[in-house]
C-alpha atoms as a PDB file:
ATOM      1  CA  MET A   1      34.927 -79.704  38.197  1.00  0.00           C
ATOM      2  CA  ALA A   2      35.740 -76.167  39.924  1.00  0.00           C
ATOM      3  CA  ARG A   3      32.309 -74.961  39.663  1.00  0.00           C
ATOM      4  CA  ASP A   4      29.423 -73.721  42.029  1.00  0.00           C
ATOM      5  CA  PHE A   5      26.158 -75.654  41.521  1.00  0.00           C
ATOM      6  CA  THR A   6      23.026 -74.523  42.505  1.00  0.00           C
ATOM      7  CA  LEU A   7      19.393 -76.714  42.595  1.00  0.00           C
ATOM      8  CA  VAL A   8      16.356 -74.933  41.727  1.00  0.00           C
ATOM      9  CA  ILE A   9      13.337 -77.288  42.371  1.00  0.00           C
ATOM     10  CA  ASP A  10       9.386 -76.616  41.239  1.00  0.00           C
ATOM     11  CA  LYS A  11       6.914 -77.646  44.078  1.00  0.00           C
ATOM     12  CA  SER A  12       4.035 -75.525  41.907  1.00  0.00           C
ATOM     13  CA  GLY A  13       0.644 -77.406  42.254  1.00  0.00           C
ATOM     14  CA  SER A  14       0.940 -79.005  39.152  1.00  0.00           C
ATOM     15  CA  MET A  15       4.180 -81.156  40.510  1.00  0.00           C
ATOM     16  CA  SER A  16       1.480 -82.869  42.529  1.00  0.00           C
ATOM     17  CA  ALA A  17      -0.162 -84.772  39.237  1.00  0.00           C
ATOM     18  CA  GLN A  18       0.057 -88.198  38.319  1.00  0.00           C
ATOM     19  CA  SER A  19       3.029 -89.545  35.876  1.00  0.00           C
ATOM     20  CA  PHE A  20       4.208 -92.751  35.670  1.00  0.00           C
ATOM     21  CA  GLN A  21       2.400 -94.599  38.746  1.00  0.00           C
ATOM     22  CA  ARG A  22       3.562 -91.911  41.020  1.00  0.00           C
ATOM     23  CA  THR A  23       3.269 -87.758  41.133  1.00  0.00           C
ATOM     24  CA  ARG A  24       5.637 -85.714  39.342  1.00  0.00           C
ATOM     25  CA  TRP A  25       6.404 -84.496  42.824  1.00  0.00           C
ATOM     26  CA  ARG A  26       8.127 -87.849  43.489  1.00  0.00           C
ATOM     27  CA  GLU A  27       9.604 -88.004  40.624  1.00  0.00           C
ATOM     28  CA  ALA A  28      11.387 -84.874  40.987  1.00  0.00           C
ATOM     29  CA  GLU A  29      12.527 -86.396  44.678  1.00  0.00           C
ATOM     30  CA  GLY A  30      13.872 -89.337  42.903  1.00  0.00           C
ATOM     31  CA  ALA A  31      15.808 -86.670  40.580  1.00  0.00           C
ATOM     32  CA  VAL A  32      17.601 -85.000  43.262  1.00  0.00           C
ATOM     33  CA  ARG A  33      18.232 -87.832  44.947  1.00  0.00           C
ATOM     34  CA  ASN A  34      20.256 -89.256  41.836  1.00  0.00           C
ATOM     35  CA  ILE A  35      22.446 -86.092  41.296  1.00  0.00           C
ATOM     36  CA  ALA A  36      22.398 -84.939  45.458  1.00  0.00           C
ATOM     37  CA  HIS A  37      25.720 -86.895  46.188  1.00  0.00           C
ATOM     38  CA  SER A  38      27.570 -85.790  43.179  1.00  0.00           C
ATOM     39  CA  VAL A  39      26.396 -82.158  43.714  1.00  0.00           C
ATOM     40  CA  ILE A  40      27.777 -81.922  47.084  1.00  0.00           C
ATOM     41  CA  GLN A  41      30.813 -83.366  46.512  1.00  0.00           C
ATOM     42  CA  ALA A  42      31.492 -81.089  43.207  1.00  0.00           C
ATOM     43  CA  ASP A  43      30.592 -77.937  45.423  1.00  0.00           C
ATOM     44  CA  PRO A  44      32.173 -78.594  48.796  1.00  0.00           C
ATOM     45  CA  ASP A  45      31.662 -75.064  50.027  1.00  0.00           C
ATOM     46  CA  GLY A  46      27.852 -75.680  50.125  1.00  0.00           C
ATOM     47  CA  VAL A  47      25.293 -75.821  47.309  1.00  0.00           C
ATOM     48  CA  THR A  48      22.815 -72.927  46.857  1.00  0.00           C
ATOM     49  CA  LEU A  49      19.230 -74.453  46.852  1.00  0.00           C
ATOM     50  CA  TYR A  50      15.860 -73.312  45.320  1.00  0.00           C
ATOM     51  CA  PHE A  51      12.119 -74.338  45.863  1.00  0.00           C
ATOM     52  CA  PHE A  52       9.601 -72.407  43.670  1.00  0.00           C
ATOM     53  CA  SER A  53       6.313 -71.617  42.903  1.00  0.00           C
ATOM     54  CA  SER A  54       4.167 -68.409  42.854  1.00  0.00           C
ATOM     55  CA  SER A  55       6.930 -67.430  45.563  1.00  0.00           C
ATOM     56  CA  PHE A  56      10.626 -69.206  46.085  1.00  0.00           C
ATOM     57  CA  HIS A  57      12.900 -70.273  49.318  1.00  0.00           C
ATOM     58  CA  LYS A  58      16.400 -69.982  48.895  1.00  0.00           C
ATOM     59  CA  TYR A  59      18.520 -72.046  51.147  1.00  0.00           C
ATOM     60  CA  ASP A  60      22.289 -71.272  51.249  1.00  0.00           C
ATOM     61  CA  ASN A  61      25.493 -73.670  52.057  1.00  0.00           C
ATOM     62  CA  ILE A  62      23.907 -76.931  51.971  1.00  0.00           C
ATOM     63  CA  ARG A  63      26.996 -79.490  52.357  1.00  0.00           C
ATOM     64  CA  SER A  64      25.076 -82.696  52.833  1.00  0.00           C
ATOM     65  CA  VAL A  65      22.376 -84.934  51.080  1.00  0.00           C
ATOM     66  CA  ALA A  66      20.833 -85.421  54.372  1.00  0.00           C
ATOM     67  CA  GLY A  67      20.078 -81.302  54.170  1.00  0.00           C
ATOM     68  CA  ILE A  68      18.921 -81.866  50.545  1.00  0.00           C
ATOM     69  CA  GLU A  69      16.459 -84.438  51.675  1.00  0.00           C
ATOM     70  CA  ASN A  70      15.355 -82.637  55.045  1.00  0.00           C
ATOM     71  CA  LEU A  71      14.617 -79.243  53.240  1.00  0.00           C
ATOM     72  CA  PHE A  72      13.004 -81.843  50.338  1.00  0.00           C
ATOM     73  CA  ALA A  73      10.607 -82.964  53.132  1.00  0.00           C
ATOM     74  CA  GLN A  74       9.918 -79.862  54.503  1.00  0.00           C
ATOM     75  CA  ASN A  75       8.282 -78.787  50.769  1.00  0.00           C
ATOM     76  CA  SER A  76       5.287 -79.957  49.346  1.00  0.00           C
ATOM     77  CA  PRO A  77       3.485 -78.759  46.193  1.00  0.00           C
ATOM     78  CA  SER A  78       1.139 -76.178  45.647  1.00  0.00           C
ATOM     79  CA  GLY A  79       1.012 -72.412  44.213  1.00  0.00           C
ATOM     80  CA  THR A  80       1.877 -71.321  40.211  1.00  0.00           C
ATOM     81  CA  THR A  81       5.131 -71.539  38.028  1.00  0.00           C
ATOM     82  CA  ALA A  82       6.843 -68.505  38.184  1.00  0.00           C
ATOM     83  CA  LEU A  83       9.911 -69.767  37.146  1.00  0.00           C
ATOM     84  CA  ASP A  84      11.319 -66.173  35.636  1.00  0.00           C
ATOM     85  CA  ARG A  85      10.920 -64.736  39.620  1.00  0.00           C
ATOM     86  CA  VAL A  86      13.290 -67.501  40.755  1.00  0.00           C
ATOM     87  CA  LEU A  87      15.977 -67.574  37.681  1.00  0.00           C
ATOM     88  CA  HIS A  88      16.165 -63.577  37.876  1.00  0.00           C
ATOM     89  CA  ASP A  89      17.688 -64.435  41.733  1.00  0.00           C
ATOM     90  CA  VAL A  90      19.812 -67.177  40.788  1.00  0.00           C
ATOM     91  CA  ILE A  91      21.277 -65.152  37.610  1.00  0.00           C
ATOM     92  CA  GLU A  92      21.782 -62.455  40.046  1.00  0.00           C
ATOM     93  CA  ASP A  93      23.526 -64.489  42.404  1.00  0.00           C
ATOM     94  CA  HIS A  94      25.947 -65.434  40.216  1.00  0.00           C
ATOM     95  CA  PHE A  95      26.993 -62.125  38.788  1.00  0.00           C
ATOM     96  CA  GLN A  96      26.997 -60.986  42.248  1.00  0.00           C
ATOM     97  CA  ARG A  97      29.298 -63.934  43.714  1.00  0.00           C
ATOM     98  CA  PHE A  98      31.425 -64.416  40.442  1.00  0.00           C
ATOM     99  CA  ARG A  99      32.536 -60.669  40.477  1.00  0.00           C
ATOM    100  CA  ASN A 100      34.619 -61.814  43.644  1.00  0.00           C
ATOM    101  CA  THR A 101      35.464 -65.438  43.123  1.00  0.00           C
ATOM    102  CA  LYS A 102      35.491 -65.816  39.139  1.00  0.00           C
ATOM    103  CA  LYS A 103      34.234 -69.166  40.020  1.00  0.00           C
ATOM    104  CA  PRO A 104      31.741 -70.368  36.805  1.00  0.00           C
ATOM    105  CA  GLU A 105      28.125 -72.143  37.723  1.00  0.00           C
ATOM    106  CA  THR A 106      25.420 -74.774  37.027  1.00  0.00           C
ATOM    107  CA  VAL A 107      22.104 -74.623  37.428  1.00  0.00           C
ATOM    108  CA  LEU A 108      19.987 -77.825  37.772  1.00  0.00           C
ATOM    109  CA  ILE A 109      16.122 -76.663  37.363  1.00  0.00           C
ATOM    110  CA  ILE A 110      13.843 -79.823  38.011  1.00  0.00           C
ATOM    111  CA  THR A 111      10.484 -78.924  36.964  1.00  0.00           C
ATOM    112  CA  ASP A 112       7.412 -80.510  34.904  1.00  0.00           C
ATOM    113  CA  GLY A 113       7.873 -77.160  32.324  1.00  0.00           C
ATOM    114  CA  GLN A 114       5.006 -75.417  32.213  1.00  0.00           C
ATOM    115  CA  PRO A 115       5.926 -71.629  33.813  1.00  0.00           C
ATOM    116  CA  ASP A 116       3.242 -68.592  34.517  1.00  0.00           C
ATOM    117  CA  SER A 117       5.085 -66.968  31.670  1.00  0.00           C
ATOM    118  CA  GLN A 118       7.699 -68.537  28.884  1.00  0.00           C
ATOM    119  CA  GLU A 119       8.488 -65.110  27.512  1.00  0.00           C
ATOM    120  CA  LEU A 120       9.692 -63.708  30.687  1.00  0.00           C
ATOM    121  CA  VAL A 121      11.683 -67.246  30.889  1.00  0.00           C
ATOM    122  CA  PHE A 122      13.363 -66.631  27.597  1.00  0.00           C
ATOM    123  CA  LYS A 123      14.286 -63.244  28.454  1.00  0.00           C
ATOM    124  CA  GLU A 124      15.867 -63.820  31.457  1.00  0.00           C
ATOM    125  CA  ILE A 125      18.264 -66.503  30.156  1.00  0.00           C
ATOM    126  CA  ILE A 126      18.500 -64.648  27.061  1.00  0.00           C
ATOM    127  CA  ALA A 127      20.123 -61.554  29.491  1.00  0.00           C
ATOM    128  CA  ALA A 128      21.966 -63.464  31.406  1.00  0.00           C
ATOM    129  CA  SER A 129      23.975 -65.033  27.919  1.00  0.00           C
ATOM    130  CA  LYS A 130      24.538 -60.998  27.129  1.00  0.00           C
ATOM    131  CA  ARG A 131      26.521 -60.978  29.987  1.00  0.00           C
ATOM    132  CA  ILE A 132      28.698 -63.554  30.494  1.00  0.00           C
ATOM    133  CA  ASP A 133      31.965 -63.545  28.440  1.00  0.00           C
ATOM    134  CA  ARG A 134      32.113 -67.248  27.568  1.00  0.00           C
ATOM    135  CA  SER A 135      29.623 -69.808  27.837  1.00  0.00           C
ATOM    136  CA  ASP A 136      30.630 -72.159  30.040  1.00  0.00           C
ATOM    137  CA  GLN A 137      30.792 -69.218  32.877  1.00  0.00           C
ATOM    138  CA  LEU A 138      26.872 -69.769  33.423  1.00  0.00           C
ATOM    139  CA  SER A 139      24.967 -72.975  32.092  1.00  0.00           C
ATOM    140  CA  PHE A 140      21.478 -74.119  33.214  1.00  0.00           C
ATOM    141  CA  SER A 141      20.268 -77.516  32.721  1.00  0.00           C
ATOM    142  CA  PHE A 142      16.802 -78.307  32.722  1.00  0.00           C
ATOM    143  CA  ILE A 143      15.206 -81.662  33.917  1.00  0.00           C
ATOM    144  CA  GLN A 144      11.718 -82.410  33.326  1.00  0.00           C
ATOM    145  CA  VAL A 145       9.460 -84.330  35.265  1.00  0.00           C
ATOM    146  CA  GLY A 146       6.361 -85.827  33.608  1.00  0.00           C
ATOM    147  CA  ASN A 147       5.255 -85.867  30.334  1.00  0.00           C
ATOM    148  CA  ASP A 148       3.651 -83.143  29.117  1.00  0.00           C
ATOM    149  CA  GLY A 149       4.250 -82.314  25.882  1.00  0.00           C
ATOM    150  CA  ALA A 150       3.671 -78.659  25.679  1.00  0.00           C
ATOM    151  CA  ALA A 151       6.366 -78.459  28.454  1.00  0.00           C
ATOM    152  CA  GLU A 152       8.199 -80.684  26.578  1.00  0.00           C
ATOM    153  CA  ARG A 153       8.278 -78.411  23.616  1.00  0.00           C
ATOM    154  CA  PHE A 154       8.773 -75.322  25.706  1.00  0.00           C
ATOM    155  CA  LEU A 155      11.829 -76.927  27.078  1.00  0.00           C
ATOM    156  CA  LYS A 156      12.916 -78.035  23.818  1.00  0.00           C
ATOM    157  CA  THR A 157      12.779 -74.052  23.091  1.00  0.00           C
ATOM    158  CA  LEU A 158      14.944 -73.623  25.544  1.00  0.00           C
ATOM    159  CA  ASP A 159      18.004 -75.929  24.464  1.00  0.00           C
ATOM    160  CA  ASN A 160      17.839 -75.169  20.768  1.00  0.00           C
ATOM    161  CA  GLY A 161      15.864 -71.850  20.088  1.00  0.00           C
ATOM    162  CA  LEU A 162      17.299 -69.131  22.544  1.00  0.00           C
ATOM    163  CA  LYS A 163      19.890 -68.081  19.647  1.00  0.00           C
ATOM    164  CA  SER A 164      17.371 -67.608  17.041  1.00  0.00           C
ATOM    165  CA  LYS A 165      15.833 -64.871  19.937  1.00  0.00           C
ATOM    166  CA  GLY A 166      18.708 -63.299  20.320  1.00  0.00           C
ATOM    167  CA  ALA A 167      20.590 -65.056  22.868  1.00  0.00           C
ATOM    168  CA  LYS A 168      24.814 -64.984  22.648  1.00  0.00           C
ATOM    169  CA  HIS A 169      25.517 -68.119  23.949  1.00  0.00           C
ATOM    170  CA  ASP A 170      23.559 -71.541  24.259  1.00  0.00           C
ATOM    171  CA  ILE A 171      23.881 -72.258  27.885  1.00  0.00           C
ATOM    172  CA  VAL A 172      21.009 -74.456  28.509  1.00  0.00           C
ATOM    173  CA  ASP A 173      20.533 -78.092  28.052  1.00  0.00           C
ATOM    174  CA  THR A 174      17.518 -80.323  28.677  1.00  0.00           C
ATOM    175  CA  GLN A 175      16.934 -83.498  29.746  1.00  0.00           C
ATOM    176  CA  THR A 176      13.960 -85.712  31.301  1.00  0.00           C
ATOM    177  CA  SER A 177      14.268 -87.097  34.484  1.00  0.00           C
ATOM    178  CA  SER A 178      14.197 -90.806  33.233  1.00  0.00           C
ATOM    179  CA  GLU A 179      17.823 -89.655  31.165  1.00  0.00           C
ATOM    180  CA  THR A 180      19.121 -87.988  33.438  1.00  0.00           C
ATOM    181  CA  ALA A 181      18.911 -91.557  35.637  1.00  0.00           C
ATOM    182  CA  LYS A 182      20.879 -93.351  32.826  1.00  0.00           C
ATOM    183  CA  MET A 183      23.739 -90.773  32.808  1.00  0.00           C
ATOM    184  CA  ASP A 184      25.768 -89.898  35.453  1.00  0.00           C
ATOM    185  CA  PHE A 185      26.782 -86.329  36.894  1.00  0.00           C
ATOM    186  CA  ALA A 186      30.218 -85.410  35.189  1.00  0.00           C
ATOM    187  CA  THR A 187      28.261 -86.498  31.615  1.00  0.00           C
ATOM    188  CA  LEU A 188      24.977 -84.315  32.979  1.00  0.00           C
ATOM    189  CA  VAL A 189      27.476 -81.198  34.145  1.00  0.00           C
ATOM    190  CA  TYR A 190      29.071 -81.773  30.378  1.00  0.00           C
ATOM    191  CA  LYS A 191      25.796 -82.225  28.150  1.00  0.00           C
ATOM    192  CA  SER A 192      24.482 -78.290  30.282  1.00  0.00           C
ATOM    193  CA  LEU A 193      27.932 -76.636  29.021  1.00  0.00           C
ATOM    194  CA  HIS A 194      28.263 -78.528  25.561  1.00  0.00           C
ATOM    195  CA  SER A 195      24.870 -78.855  24.443  1.00  0.00           C
END
């Protein structure tokens, strides 16, 4: 898989809510642990990692699972869920790099699913879909932690409803963290490309 990989981790206040005997934050940590080794192997020149809430922090060129785990330990849930802002930065960063490298990218987003503005998230992904020539150039895989029904409906709209809202390509796949734990990394990436 000659792809760049970016991990985007929701650290908003709602991630401190209880879900299945543990907080959503701990569930997110488990989801990251499930995929971290594979992500590092698949992107040896370094993974980009974002933690976001009301604002976001970006870490470039992470080359070890320990590096991911250390950054996770330095963050904790607080703030709102400004998903559109972090997606804007991720997307612009992708197109800037792609001009030079022509390397496709998969963005793995771990979230409990309720952004501050659903419409702004739709707008960012739809606009990105119109800037690519092929659907495998840029893909988004949302991994939902927790069991919020409204969040699940929003993520399903991202997965199945953006073409009707004007997206040029279907570039989003969504999974729950329990579904992700049952599949290997190659399947997760395949599903993000061929959803």
